[in-house]
Amino acid sequence: MRLGNNGFTPDILLFLGPPRNTLREYYLEGPAEMVIEVLRPGHEYADRIIKRDYYAAGGVPEYVILNPARKEIEFWRLINGKYEGMAPDPSGCYRPQSVPGLVFLPNNLWREDEDWYRWPHDPPIVYIEGTQPEGRRLREVENGLGWGCLPFNPQLQLEPVPISFEQYISWCPEAKFEFWDGKPQIGGKEGIRNLIGMLLMTFGLADALKVLSPVEWVSALLETETLRQQDAQRKAVWWDLARQAATLLRSKYGVTRLGVIGDLVKPEPLNFWSEITLVVWDLPDRKGYEIYQDLSNLSQEPEINLIEAESKYATLAQQQSISQFLVEI
């Protein structure tokens, strides 16, 4: 949910669309009609103070806080720019003004009898009362900003540098946090790189350097310098792999046009995050798994990434790179 130059991911949000908000492909533009946050240990200050103030300034009409530890629900309504605590009516119902017809029965949320776990809940936790207008359905999603709409170019300085909402949406990986090979995985290799870059940019290198001792940083810099001196040889090996992959795609899958973009065509040395990025045209349908398996068998390190030039999934940054820096092979 975008509020000005800030972005939030509430636990639950309810929205009705224009004029208050618009659903984009990657986020909700403008304040939702209602935001619900579930308190978690260690996050109380963020939900009760920081987010509450941002939600109020951004114009979120109703803010609900669920506290499972204390089995409490707090209802806050925006009145004259500030949240005021609200209470259910004498019958135990709460009706938010921003979502007409919506009724909460908060006492039913904390029931512990066996019937509570049946679906639908009877009595319910929330329901719609009265006759609602016909045809009020979710409008078509509008594209807006999205992953890869801006080139990844974090400004790393000793002191923190704030990022814009546009940079956040473009660089931030989808929130799928996984773990394998002894490392956290957040949106794949590119997602991890972007996340680290944003953290270094917004925390500043002066504080980031304190994570390790000076000896370890010096050792890492020496290793980086060694790799820089070997860059020409490494790139020659990588170019050979790219040509082998191109030959495979032409001979086995009938691809007629291929090119290379990304780190391999840039003047900067290869680094830990570098990979071979091939751009292809006329890729056969329903062969994706087989193609990626063949490329993985050819090389797992470096990875060989494939971009379909005419695919709707190619990001804006990738499209710009294809038009400006493509080297055909």
C-alpha atoms as a PDB file:
ATOM      1  CA  MET A   1       0.000   0.000   0.000  1.00  0.00           C
ATOM      2  CA  ARG A   2       1.549   3.254  -1.133  1.00  0.00           C
ATOM      3  CA  LEU A   3       1.091   6.296   1.081  1.00  0.00           C
ATOM      4  CA  GLY A   4       3.032   9.162  -0.453  1.00  0.00           C
ATOM      5  CA  ASN A   5       6.670   8.075  -0.674  1.00  0.00           C
ATOM      6  CA  ASN A   6       6.184   5.242   1.827  1.00  0.00           C
ATOM      7  CA  GLY A   7       5.124   1.638   1.261  1.00  0.00           C
ATOM      8  CA  PHE A   8       3.464  -0.767   3.717  1.00  0.00           C
ATOM      9  CA  THR A   9       2.340  -4.397   3.702  1.00  0.00           C
ATOM     10  CA  PRO A  10      -0.457  -4.683   6.286  1.00  0.00           C
ATOM     11  CA  ASP A  11      -1.491  -8.108   7.526  1.00  0.00           C
ATOM     12  CA  ILE A  12      -4.985  -7.455   6.121  1.00  0.00           C
ATOM     13  CA  LEU A  13      -6.404  -4.551   4.168  1.00  0.00           C
ATOM     14  CA  LEU A  14      -9.832  -3.816   2.742  1.00  0.00           C
ATOM     15  CA  PHE A  15     -10.205  -1.491  -0.218  1.00  0.00           C
ATOM     16  CA  LEU A  16     -13.029  -0.418  -2.507  1.00  0.00           C
ATOM     17  CA  GLY A  17     -11.113   1.219  -5.350  1.00  0.00           C
ATOM     18  CA  PRO A  18     -11.439   4.746  -6.782  1.00  0.00           C
ATOM     19  CA  PRO A  19     -11.665   7.470  -5.772  1.00  0.00           C
ATOM     20  CA  ARG A  20      -9.769   6.656  -2.560  1.00  0.00           C
ATOM     21  CA  ASN A  21      -7.377   4.038  -3.972  1.00  0.00           C
ATOM     22  CA  THR A  22      -6.355   2.162  -7.122  1.00  0.00           C
ATOM     23  CA  LEU A  23      -5.048  -1.391  -7.330  1.00  0.00           C
ATOM     24  CA  ARG A  24      -1.798  -1.548  -9.264  1.00  0.00           C
ATOM     25  CA  GLU A  25      -0.026  -4.720 -10.321  1.00  0.00           C
ATOM     26  CA  TYR A  26       2.435  -4.610  -7.401  1.00  0.00           C
ATOM     27  CA  TYR A  27       0.748  -2.402  -4.818  1.00  0.00           C
ATOM     28  CA  LEU A  28      -2.324  -0.440  -3.794  1.00  0.00           C
ATOM     29  CA  GLU A  29      -2.056   3.228  -4.741  1.00  0.00           C
ATOM     30  CA  GLY A  30      -3.509   5.297  -1.907  1.00  0.00           C
ATOM     31  CA  PRO A  31      -4.970   4.474   1.506  1.00  0.00           C
ATOM     32  CA  ALA A  32      -7.115   1.384   1.952  1.00  0.00           C
ATOM     33  CA  GLU A  33     -10.540   1.796   3.539  1.00  0.00           C
ATOM     34  CA  MET A  34      -9.387  -0.339   6.466  1.00  0.00           C
ATOM     35  CA  VAL A  35      -6.050  -1.737   7.625  1.00  0.00           C
ATOM     36  CA  ILE A  36      -5.689  -4.600  10.117  1.00  0.00           C
ATOM     37  CA  GLU A  37      -2.404  -5.403  11.862  1.00  0.00           C
ATOM     38  CA  VAL A  38      -1.748  -8.401  14.130  1.00  0.00           C
ATOM     39  CA  LEU A  39       0.560  -7.571  17.032  1.00  0.00           C
ATOM     40  CA  ARG A  40       3.647  -9.762  17.247  1.00  0.00           C
ATOM     41  CA  PRO A  41       6.212  -9.832  20.056  1.00  0.00           C
ATOM     42  CA  GLY A  42       8.841  -7.185  19.434  1.00  0.00           C
ATOM     43  CA  HIS A  43       6.716  -5.305  16.881  1.00  0.00           C
ATOM     44  CA  GLU A  44       4.331  -3.531  19.240  1.00  0.00           C
ATOM     45  CA  TYR A  45       5.994  -0.128  18.914  1.00  0.00           C
ATOM     46  CA  ALA A  46       5.988  -0.317  15.118  1.00  0.00           C
ATOM     47  CA  ASP A  47       2.276  -1.172  14.947  1.00  0.00           C
ATOM     48  CA  ARG A  48       1.024   1.039  17.767  1.00  0.00           C
ATOM     49  CA  ILE A  49       3.116   4.144  17.120  1.00  0.00           C
ATOM     50  CA  ILE A  50       5.096   4.223  13.869  1.00  0.00           C
ATOM     51  CA  LYS A  51       2.566   2.655  11.500  1.00  0.00           C
ATOM     52  CA  ARG A  52      -0.367   4.276  13.264  1.00  0.00           C
ATOM     53  CA  ASP A  53       1.095   7.728  12.646  1.00  0.00           C
ATOM     54  CA  TYR A  54       1.898   6.948   9.002  1.00  0.00           C
ATOM     55  CA  TYR A  55      -1.558   5.485   8.414  1.00  0.00           C
ATOM     56  CA  ALA A  56      -3.163   8.561   9.948  1.00  0.00           C
ATOM     57  CA  ALA A  57      -1.050  10.948   7.877  1.00  0.00           C
ATOM     58  CA  GLY A  58      -1.786   8.875   4.760  1.00  0.00           C
ATOM     59  CA  GLY A  59      -5.542   9.005   5.296  1.00  0.00           C
ATOM     60  CA  VAL A  60      -6.422   5.397   6.247  1.00  0.00           C
ATOM     61  CA  PRO A  61      -9.940   5.864   7.716  1.00  0.00           C
ATOM     62  CA  GLU A  62     -10.040   2.760   9.926  1.00  0.00           C
ATOM     63  CA  TYR A  63      -7.144   1.038  11.695  1.00  0.00           C
ATOM     64  CA  VAL A  64      -7.694  -2.228  13.572  1.00  0.00           C
ATOM     65  CA  ILE A  65      -5.114  -3.855  15.852  1.00  0.00           C
ATOM     66  CA  LEU A  66      -5.487  -7.511  16.849  1.00  0.00           C
ATOM     67  CA  ASN A  67      -3.659  -8.581  20.003  1.00  0.00           C
ATOM     68  CA  PRO A  68      -3.730 -12.416  20.170  1.00  0.00           C
ATOM     69  CA  ALA A  69      -1.670 -12.535  23.378  1.00  0.00           C
ATOM     70  CA  ARG A  70      -4.279 -10.538  25.293  1.00  0.00           C
ATOM     71  CA  LYS A  71      -7.247 -11.558  23.131  1.00  0.00           C
ATOM     72  CA  GLU A  72      -8.116  -7.951  22.420  1.00  0.00           C
ATOM     73  CA  ILE A  73      -9.185  -5.959  19.369  1.00  0.00           C
ATOM     74  CA  GLU A  74      -8.657  -2.216  19.109  1.00  0.00           C
ATOM     75  CA  PHE A  75     -10.690  -0.139  16.666  1.00  0.00           C
ATOM     76  CA  TRP A  76      -9.284   3.250  15.641  1.00  0.00           C
ATOM     77  CA  ARG A  77     -11.143   5.726  13.449  1.00  0.00           C
ATOM     78  CA  LEU A  78      -9.547   8.702  11.720  1.00  0.00           C
ATOM     79  CA  ILE A  79     -11.255  11.883  12.912  1.00  0.00           C
ATOM     80  CA  ASN A  80      -9.842  15.298  11.978  1.00  0.00           C
ATOM     81  CA  GLY A  81      -6.494  13.769  11.041  1.00  0.00           C
ATOM     82  CA  LYS A  82      -6.026  11.749  14.247  1.00  0.00           C
ATOM     83  CA  TYR A  83      -7.068   8.271  15.329  1.00  0.00           C
ATOM     84  CA  GLU A  84      -9.618   8.011  18.095  1.00  0.00           C
ATOM     85  CA  GLY A  85     -10.412   4.756  19.845  1.00  0.00           C
ATOM     86  CA  MET A  86     -13.849   3.321  19.069  1.00  0.00           C
ATOM     87  CA  ALA A  87     -15.875   0.646  20.840  1.00  0.00           C
ATOM     88  CA  PRO A  88     -18.466  -1.876  19.654  1.00  0.00           C
ATOM     89  CA  ASP A  89     -22.110  -0.968  20.179  1.00  0.00           C
ATOM     90  CA  PRO A  90     -24.146  -2.449  23.074  1.00  0.00           C
ATOM     91  CA  SER A  91     -24.894  -5.557  20.985  1.00  0.00           C
ATOM     92  CA  GLY A  92     -21.150  -6.216  20.560  1.00  0.00           C
ATOM     93  CA  CYS A  93     -20.994  -5.133  16.902  1.00  0.00           C
ATOM     94  CA  TYR A  94     -18.576  -2.693  15.310  1.00  0.00           C
ATOM     95  CA  ARG A  95     -19.480  -1.005  12.015  1.00  0.00           C
ATOM     96  CA  PRO A  96     -16.665   0.871  10.250  1.00  0.00           C
ATOM     97  CA  GLN A  97     -17.873   4.003   8.487  1.00  0.00           C
ATOM     98  CA  SER A  98     -15.448   3.541   5.593  1.00  0.00           C
ATOM     99  CA  VAL A  99     -16.895   0.148   4.550  1.00  0.00           C
ATOM    100  CA  PRO A 100     -20.701   0.452   4.624  1.00  0.00           C
ATOM    101  CA  GLY A 101     -22.461  -2.773   5.531  1.00  0.00           C
ATOM    102  CA  LEU A 102     -19.412  -4.428   7.116  1.00  0.00           C
ATOM    103  CA  VAL A 103     -20.007  -5.671  10.663  1.00  0.00           C
ATOM    104  CA  PHE A 104     -17.425  -7.027  13.122  1.00  0.00           C
ATOM    105  CA  LEU A 105     -18.342  -9.224  16.079  1.00  0.00           C
ATOM    106  CA  PRO A 106     -15.012  -9.111  17.931  1.00  0.00           C
ATOM    107  CA  ASN A 107     -16.083 -11.307  20.848  1.00  0.00           C
ATOM    108  CA  ASN A 108     -16.557 -14.246  18.480  1.00  0.00           C
ATOM    109  CA  LEU A 109     -12.903 -14.138  17.427  1.00  0.00           C
ATOM    110  CA  TRP A 110     -11.645 -15.502  20.734  1.00  0.00           C
ATOM    111  CA  ARG A 111     -14.099 -18.373  21.165  1.00  0.00           C
ATOM    112  CA  GLU A 112     -12.387 -21.672  21.941  1.00  0.00           C
ATOM    113  CA  ASP A 113     -15.219 -24.187  21.629  1.00  0.00           C
ATOM    114  CA  GLU A 114     -15.051 -26.824  18.908  1.00  0.00           C
ATOM    115  CA  ASP A 115     -17.840 -25.266  16.840  1.00  0.00           C
ATOM    116  CA  TRP A 116     -15.685 -22.191  16.239  1.00  0.00           C
ATOM    117  CA  TYR A 117     -13.390 -24.158  13.930  1.00  0.00           C
ATOM    118  CA  ARG A 118     -16.209 -25.126  11.587  1.00  0.00           C
ATOM    119  CA  TRP A 119     -16.749 -23.129   8.431  1.00  0.00           C
ATOM    120  CA  PRO A 120     -18.694 -20.989   7.957  1.00  0.00           C
ATOM    121  CA  HIS A 121     -18.422 -19.606  11.484  1.00  0.00           C
ATOM    122  CA  ASP A 122     -21.692 -19.527  13.381  1.00  0.00           C
ATOM    123  CA  PRO A 123     -21.949 -17.015  14.897  1.00  0.00           C
ATOM    124  CA  PRO A 124     -19.689 -15.183  12.436  1.00  0.00           C
ATOM    125  CA  ILE A 125     -16.692 -12.970  13.149  1.00  0.00           C
ATOM    126  CA  VAL A 126     -17.521 -10.561  10.339  1.00  0.00           C
ATOM    127  CA  TYR A 127     -20.411 -10.309   7.904  1.00  0.00           C
ATOM    128  CA  ILE A 128     -22.095  -7.997   5.406  1.00  0.00           C
ATOM    129  CA  GLU A 129     -25.512  -6.716   6.384  1.00  0.00           C
ATOM    130  CA  GLY A 130     -28.279  -5.303   4.248  1.00  0.00           C
ATOM    131  CA  THR A 131     -28.564  -5.258   0.468  1.00  0.00           C
ATOM    132  CA  GLN A 132     -25.352  -4.379  -1.325  1.00  0.00           C
ATOM    133  CA  PRO A 133     -25.131  -2.786  -4.804  1.00  0.00           C
ATOM    134  CA  GLU A 134     -24.891  -5.286  -7.641  1.00  0.00           C
ATOM    135  CA  GLY A 135     -21.765  -5.558  -9.718  1.00  0.00           C
ATOM    136  CA  ARG A 136     -19.305  -4.118  -7.209  1.00  0.00           C
ATOM    137  CA  ARG A 137     -16.377  -6.217  -8.292  1.00  0.00           C
ATOM    138  CA  LEU A 138     -12.670  -5.698  -8.369  1.00  0.00           C
ATOM    139  CA  ARG A 139     -11.721  -3.524 -11.284  1.00  0.00           C
ATOM    140  CA  GLU A 140      -9.004  -4.554 -13.672  1.00  0.00           C
ATOM    141  CA  VAL A 141      -5.552  -4.144 -12.188  1.00  0.00           C
ATOM    142  CA  GLU A 142      -3.620  -1.172 -13.540  1.00  0.00           C
ATOM    143  CA  ASN A 143       0.056  -1.724 -14.244  1.00  0.00           C
ATOM    144  CA  GLY A 144       1.743   1.168 -12.446  1.00  0.00           C
ATOM    145  CA  LEU A 145       5.286   0.645 -11.185  1.00  0.00           C
ATOM    146  CA  GLY A 146       6.725  -2.848 -10.816  1.00  0.00           C
ATOM    147  CA  TRP A 147       9.737  -5.118 -10.438  1.00  0.00           C
ATOM    148  CA  GLY A 148      12.603  -4.042 -12.674  1.00  0.00           C
ATOM    149  CA  CYS A 149      11.059  -0.784 -13.886  1.00  0.00           C
ATOM    150  CA  LEU A 150      14.269   1.038 -12.873  1.00  0.00           C
ATOM    151  CA  PRO A 151      17.880  -0.133 -13.310  1.00  0.00           C
ATOM    152  CA  PHE A 152      19.414  -1.417 -10.076  1.00  0.00           C
ATOM    153  CA  ASN A 153      21.837   1.333  -9.119  1.00  0.00           C
ATOM    154  CA  PRO A 154      22.058   1.849  -5.328  1.00  0.00           C
ATOM    155  CA  GLN A 155      23.984   4.906  -4.160  1.00  0.00           C
ATOM    156  CA  LEU A 156      26.338   3.531  -1.503  1.00  0.00           C
ATOM    157  CA  GLN A 157      27.887   6.157   0.755  1.00  0.00           C
ATOM    158  CA  LEU A 158      29.296   6.265   4.269  1.00  0.00           C
ATOM    159  CA  GLU A 159      26.126   7.890   5.583  1.00  0.00           C
ATOM    160  CA  PRO A 160      22.589   6.581   4.943  1.00  0.00           C
ATOM    161  CA  VAL A 161      20.903   7.559   1.676  1.00  0.00           C
ATOM    162  CA  PRO A 162      17.093   7.260   1.565  1.00  0.00           C
ATOM    163  CA  ILE A 163      15.490   5.403  -1.319  1.00  0.00           C
ATOM    164  CA  SER A 164      12.356   6.512  -3.125  1.00  0.00           C
ATOM    165  CA  PHE A 165       9.140   4.527  -3.358  1.00  0.00           C
ATOM    166  CA  GLU A 166       9.841   4.006  -7.068  1.00  0.00           C
ATOM    167  CA  GLN A 167      13.235   2.463  -6.273  1.00  0.00           C
ATOM    168  CA  TYR A 168      11.714   0.302  -3.545  1.00  0.00           C
ATOM    169  CA  ILE A 169       9.036  -1.141  -5.837  1.00  0.00           C
ATOM    170  CA  SER A 170      11.518  -1.688  -8.669  1.00  0.00           C
ATOM    171  CA  TRP A 171      14.282  -3.303  -6.601  1.00  0.00           C
ATOM    172  CA  CYS A 172      12.496  -5.075  -3.755  1.00  0.00           C
ATOM    173  CA  PRO A 173      11.988  -8.827  -4.313  1.00  0.00           C
ATOM    174  CA  GLU A 174       8.621 -10.400  -3.702  1.00  0.00           C
ATOM    175  CA  ALA A 175       8.248 -11.317  -0.045  1.00  0.00           C
ATOM    176  CA  LYS A 176       8.973 -15.027  -0.297  1.00  0.00           C
ATOM    177  CA  PHE A 177      11.582 -15.822   2.335  1.00  0.00           C
ATOM    178  CA  GLU A 178      13.051 -19.323   2.005  1.00  0.00           C
ATOM    179  CA  PHE A 179      16.213 -21.144   3.035  1.00  0.00           C
ATOM    180  CA  TRP A 180      18.475 -23.679   1.351  1.00  0.00           C
ATOM    181  CA  ASP A 181      22.179 -24.420   0.867  1.00  0.00           C
ATOM    182  CA  GLY A 182      22.799 -22.756   4.220  1.00  0.00           C
ATOM    183  CA  LYS A 183      21.640 -19.347   2.959  1.00  0.00           C
ATOM    184  CA  PRO A 184      18.411 -17.338   3.091  1.00  0.00           C
ATOM    185  CA  GLN A 185      16.746 -17.039  -0.303  1.00  0.00           C
ATOM    186  CA  ILE A 186      14.696 -13.930  -1.005  1.00  0.00           C
ATOM    187  CA  GLY A 187      13.420 -13.764  -4.551  1.00  0.00           C
ATOM    188  CA  GLY A 188      16.407 -15.627  -5.985  1.00  0.00           C
ATOM    189  CA  LYS A 189      19.951 -14.389  -6.472  1.00  0.00           C
ATOM    190  CA  GLU A 190      18.874 -11.065  -7.958  1.00  0.00           C
ATOM    191  CA  GLY A 191      16.440 -10.474  -5.118  1.00  0.00           C
ATOM    192  CA  ILE A 192      19.128 -11.098  -2.480  1.00  0.00           C
ATOM    193  CA  ARG A 193      21.511  -8.733  -4.276  1.00  0.00           C
ATOM    194  CA  ASN A 194      18.883  -6.011  -4.449  1.00  0.00           C
ATOM    195  CA  LEU A 195      17.935  -6.397  -0.798  1.00  0.00           C
ATOM    196  CA  ILE A 196      21.559  -6.169   0.345  1.00  0.00           C
ATOM    197  CA  GLY A 197      22.084  -3.120  -1.868  1.00  0.00           C
ATOM    198  CA  MET A 198      19.050  -1.352  -0.409  1.00  0.00           C
ATOM    199  CA  LEU A 199      20.144  -2.159   3.150  1.00  0.00           C
ATOM    200  CA  LEU A 200      23.679  -0.873   2.563  1.00  0.00           C
ATOM    201  CA  MET A 201      22.302   2.260   0.919  1.00  0.00           C
ATOM    202  CA  THR A 202      19.788   3.075   3.653  1.00  0.00           C
ATOM    203  CA  PHE A 203      21.978   2.113   6.641  1.00  0.00           C
ATOM    204  CA  GLY A 204      25.189   3.635   5.286  1.00  0.00           C
ATOM    205  CA  LEU A 205      28.564   1.962   4.858  1.00  0.00           C
ATOM    206  CA  ALA A 206      29.915   3.450   8.096  1.00  0.00           C
ATOM    207  CA  ASP A 207      27.518   1.307  10.151  1.00  0.00           C
ATOM    208  CA  ALA A 208      27.602  -1.669   7.779  1.00  0.00           C
ATOM    209  CA  LEU A 209      31.382  -1.947   8.137  1.00  0.00           C
ATOM    210  CA  LYS A 210      30.985  -2.491  11.872  1.00  0.00           C
ATOM    211  CA  VAL A 211      29.448  -5.921  11.243  1.00  0.00           C
ATOM    212  CA  LEU A 212      32.901  -7.444  10.612  1.00  0.00           C
ATOM    213  CA  SER A 213      36.385  -6.731  11.907  1.00  0.00           C
ATOM    214  CA  PRO A 214      38.800  -4.646   9.760  1.00  0.00           C
ATOM    215  CA  VAL A 215      40.935  -7.755   9.142  1.00  0.00           C
ATOM    216  CA  GLU A 216      38.025  -9.555   7.479  1.00  0.00           C
ATOM    217  CA  TRP A 217      37.205  -6.550   5.291  1.00  0.00           C
ATOM    218  CA  VAL A 218      40.834  -6.250   4.175  1.00  0.00           C
ATOM    219  CA  SER A 219      40.913  -9.965   3.345  1.00  0.00           C
ATOM    220  CA  ALA A 220      37.751  -9.604   1.263  1.00  0.00           C
ATOM    221  CA  LEU A 221      39.176  -6.577  -0.566  1.00  0.00           C
ATOM    222  CA  LEU A 222      42.365  -8.475  -1.407  1.00  0.00           C
ATOM    223  CA  GLU A 223      40.323 -11.365  -2.806  1.00  0.00           C
ATOM    224  CA  THR A 224      38.260  -8.910  -4.854  1.00  0.00           C
ATOM    225  CA  GLU A 225      41.423  -7.368  -6.273  1.00  0.00           C
ATOM    226  CA  THR A 226      42.696 -10.813  -7.257  1.00  0.00           C
ATOM    227  CA  LEU A 227      39.444 -11.508  -9.111  1.00  0.00           C
ATOM    228  CA  ARG A 228      39.666  -8.114 -10.811  1.00  0.00           C
ATOM    229  CA  GLN A 229      43.117  -8.965 -12.139  1.00  0.00           C
ATOM    230  CA  GLN A 230      41.755 -12.265 -13.478  1.00  0.00           C
ATOM    231  CA  ASP A 231      38.659 -10.658 -15.003  1.00  0.00           C
ATOM    232  CA  ALA A 232      39.756 -10.905 -18.638  1.00  0.00           C
ATOM    233  CA  GLN A 233      40.347 -14.659 -18.317  1.00  0.00           C
ATOM    234  CA  ARG A 234      37.043 -15.180 -16.483  1.00  0.00           C
ATOM    235  CA  LYS A 235      35.104 -13.247 -19.107  1.00  0.00           C
ATOM    236  CA  ALA A 236      36.721 -15.279 -21.877  1.00  0.00           C
ATOM    237  CA  VAL A 237      35.522 -18.492 -20.205  1.00  0.00           C
ATOM    238  CA  TRP A 238      32.041 -17.038 -19.713  1.00  0.00           C
ATOM    239  CA  TRP A 239      31.829 -15.911 -23.347  1.00  0.00           C
ATOM    240  CA  ASP A 240      32.722 -19.441 -24.399  1.00  0.00           C
ATOM    241  CA  LEU A 241      29.869 -20.772 -22.230  1.00  0.00           C
ATOM    242  CA  ALA A 242      27.485 -18.226 -23.763  1.00  0.00           C
ATOM    243  CA  ARG A 243      28.416 -19.379 -27.269  1.00  0.00           C
ATOM    244  CA  GLN A 244      27.981 -23.028 -26.280  1.00  0.00           C
ATOM    245  CA  ALA A 245      24.523 -22.200 -24.921  1.00  0.00           C
ATOM    246  CA  ALA A 246      23.669 -20.351 -28.140  1.00  0.00           C
ATOM    247  CA  THR A 247      24.758 -23.329 -30.229  1.00  0.00           C
ATOM    248  CA  LEU A 248      22.611 -25.630 -28.081  1.00  0.00           C
ATOM    249  CA  LEU A 249      19.531 -23.409 -28.401  1.00  0.00           C
ATOM    250  CA  ARG A 250      19.937 -23.122 -32.168  1.00  0.00           C
ATOM    251  CA  SER A 251      20.593 -26.789 -32.884  1.00  0.00           C
ATOM    252  CA  LYS A 252      18.110 -28.376 -30.462  1.00  0.00           C
ATOM    253  CA  TYR A 253      15.327 -25.807 -30.219  1.00  0.00           C
ATOM    254  CA  GLY A 254      15.522 -23.927 -33.505  1.00  0.00           C
ATOM    255  CA  VAL A 255      16.185 -20.503 -31.998  1.00  0.00           C
ATOM    256  CA  THR A 256      17.221 -18.138 -34.788  1.00  0.00           C
ATOM    257  CA  ARG A 257      18.345 -15.031 -32.934  1.00  0.00           C
ATOM    258  CA  LEU A 258      20.293 -14.679 -29.682  1.00  0.00           C
ATOM    259  CA  GLY A 259      22.234 -12.027 -27.830  1.00  0.00           C
ATOM    260  CA  VAL A 260      23.921 -11.237 -24.532  1.00  0.00           C
ATOM    261  CA  ILE A 261      23.224  -8.424 -22.065  1.00  0.00           C
ATOM    262  CA  GLY A 262      24.124  -7.827 -18.440  1.00  0.00           C
ATOM    263  CA  ASP A 263      27.432  -8.169 -16.638  1.00  0.00           C
ATOM    264  CA  LEU A 264      29.208  -9.953 -19.469  1.00  0.00           C
ATOM    265  CA  VAL A 265      28.928  -6.954 -21.818  1.00  0.00           C
ATOM    266  CA  LYS A 266      29.675  -4.314 -19.176  1.00  0.00           C
ATOM    267  CA  PRO A 267      33.185  -2.901 -18.713  1.00  0.00           C
ATOM    268  CA  GLU A 268      33.084  -3.475 -14.945  1.00  0.00           C
ATOM    269  CA  PRO A 269      34.671  -6.670 -13.571  1.00  0.00           C
ATOM    270  CA  LEU A 270      32.493  -9.694 -12.894  1.00  0.00           C
ATOM    271  CA  ASN A 271      31.438 -10.131  -9.278  1.00  0.00           C
ATOM    272  CA  PHE A 272      29.691 -12.569  -6.953  1.00  0.00           C
ATOM    273  CA  TRP A 273      26.261 -11.612  -8.325  1.00  0.00           C
ATOM    274  CA  SER A 274      27.210 -11.822 -11.997  1.00  0.00           C
ATOM    275  CA  GLU A 275      25.569 -14.300 -14.356  1.00  0.00           C
ATOM    276  CA  ILE A 276      25.306 -14.959 -18.070  1.00  0.00           C
ATOM    277  CA  THR A 277      22.149 -13.345 -19.436  1.00  0.00           C
ATOM    278  CA  LEU A 278      21.019 -14.568 -22.845  1.00  0.00           C
ATOM    279  CA  VAL A 279      18.300 -12.831 -24.835  1.00  0.00           C
ATOM    280  CA  VAL A 280      16.395 -15.058 -27.260  1.00  0.00           C
ATOM    281  CA  TRP A 281      13.724 -14.680 -29.911  1.00  0.00           C
ATOM    282  CA  ASP A 282      11.398 -17.399 -31.257  1.00  0.00           C
ATOM    283  CA  LEU A 283      11.675 -19.666 -28.229  1.00  0.00           C
ATOM    284  CA  PRO A 284       9.434 -22.733 -28.714  1.00  0.00           C
ATOM    285  CA  ASP A 285       6.363 -23.011 -26.506  1.00  0.00           C
ATOM    286  CA  ARG A 286       6.155 -25.518 -23.646  1.00  0.00           C
ATOM    287  CA  LYS A 287       9.857 -26.245 -23.677  1.00  0.00           C
ATOM    288  CA  GLY A 288      10.817 -24.057 -20.729  1.00  0.00           C
ATOM    289  CA  TYR A 289      11.657 -26.822 -18.261  1.00  0.00           C
ATOM    290  CA  GLU A 290      13.681 -28.795 -20.794  1.00  0.00           C
ATOM    291  CA  ILE A 291      15.604 -25.703 -21.902  1.00  0.00           C
ATOM    292  CA  TYR A 292      16.498 -24.645 -18.372  1.00  0.00           C
ATOM    293  CA  GLN A 293      17.552 -28.198 -17.555  1.00  0.00           C
ATOM    294  CA  ASP A 294      19.909 -28.217 -20.547  1.00  0.00           C
ATOM    295  CA  LEU A 295      21.367 -24.841 -19.584  1.00  0.00           C
ATOM    296  CA  SER A 296      21.817 -25.989 -15.991  1.00  0.00           C
ATOM    297  CA  ASN A 297      23.651 -29.089 -17.201  1.00  0.00           C
ATOM    298  CA  LEU A 298      25.894 -26.847 -19.281  1.00  0.00           C
ATOM    299  CA  SER A 299      26.756 -24.546 -16.375  1.00  0.00           C
ATOM    300  CA  GLN A 300      25.534 -24.072 -12.818  1.00  0.00           C
ATOM    301  CA  GLU A 301      28.206 -21.537 -11.895  1.00  0.00           C
ATOM    302  CA  PRO A 302      27.907 -19.115 -13.505  1.00  0.00           C
ATOM    303  CA  GLU A 303      24.159 -19.411 -13.935  1.00  0.00           C
ATOM    304  CA  ILE A 304      22.793 -18.928 -17.437  1.00  0.00           C
ATOM    305  CA  ASN A 305      19.715 -16.735 -17.302  1.00  0.00           C
ATOM    306  CA  LEU A 306      17.303 -16.626 -20.233  1.00  0.00           C
ATOM    307  CA  ILE A 307      15.159 -13.652 -21.272  1.00  0.00           C
ATOM    308  CA  GLU A 308      12.574 -13.843 -24.028  1.00  0.00           C
ATOM    309  CA  ALA A 309      12.919 -10.538 -25.848  1.00  0.00           C
ATOM    310  CA  GLU A 310       9.266 -10.303 -26.842  1.00  0.00           C
ATOM    311  CA  SER A 311       7.808 -11.658 -23.607  1.00  0.00           C
ATOM    312  CA  LYS A 312       5.462  -9.508 -21.552  1.00  0.00           C
ATOM    313  CA  TYR A 313       7.434 -10.621 -18.500  1.00  0.00           C
ATOM    314  CA  ALA A 314      10.604  -8.809 -19.566  1.00  0.00           C
ATOM    315  CA  THR A 315      11.045  -5.892 -17.183  1.00  0.00           C
ATOM    316  CA  LEU A 316      11.418  -2.318 -18.368  1.00  0.00           C
ATOM    317  CA  ALA A 317      15.081  -2.301 -17.308  1.00  0.00           C
ATOM    318  CA  GLN A 318      15.680  -5.497 -19.297  1.00  0.00           C
ATOM    319  CA  GLN A 319      13.946  -4.050 -22.354  1.00  0.00           C
ATOM    320  CA  GLN A 320      16.111  -0.936 -22.156  1.00  0.00           C
ATOM    321  CA  SER A 321      19.246  -3.049 -21.792  1.00  0.00           C
ATOM    322  CA  ILE A 322      18.262  -5.097 -24.851  1.00  0.00           C
ATOM    323  CA  SER A 323      17.750  -1.974 -26.957  1.00  0.00           C
ATOM    324  CA  GLN A 324      20.974  -0.285 -25.817  1.00  0.00           C
ATOM    325  CA  PHE A 325      23.559  -2.936 -24.946  1.00  0.00           C
ATOM    326  CA  LEU A 326      22.655  -6.193 -26.705  1.00  0.00           C
ATOM    327  CA  VAL A 327      25.599  -8.056 -28.251  1.00  0.00           C
ATOM    328  CA  GLU A 328      24.292 -10.620 -30.721  1.00  0.00           C
ATOM    329  CA  ILE A 329      26.034 -13.980 -30.956  1.00  0.00           C
END
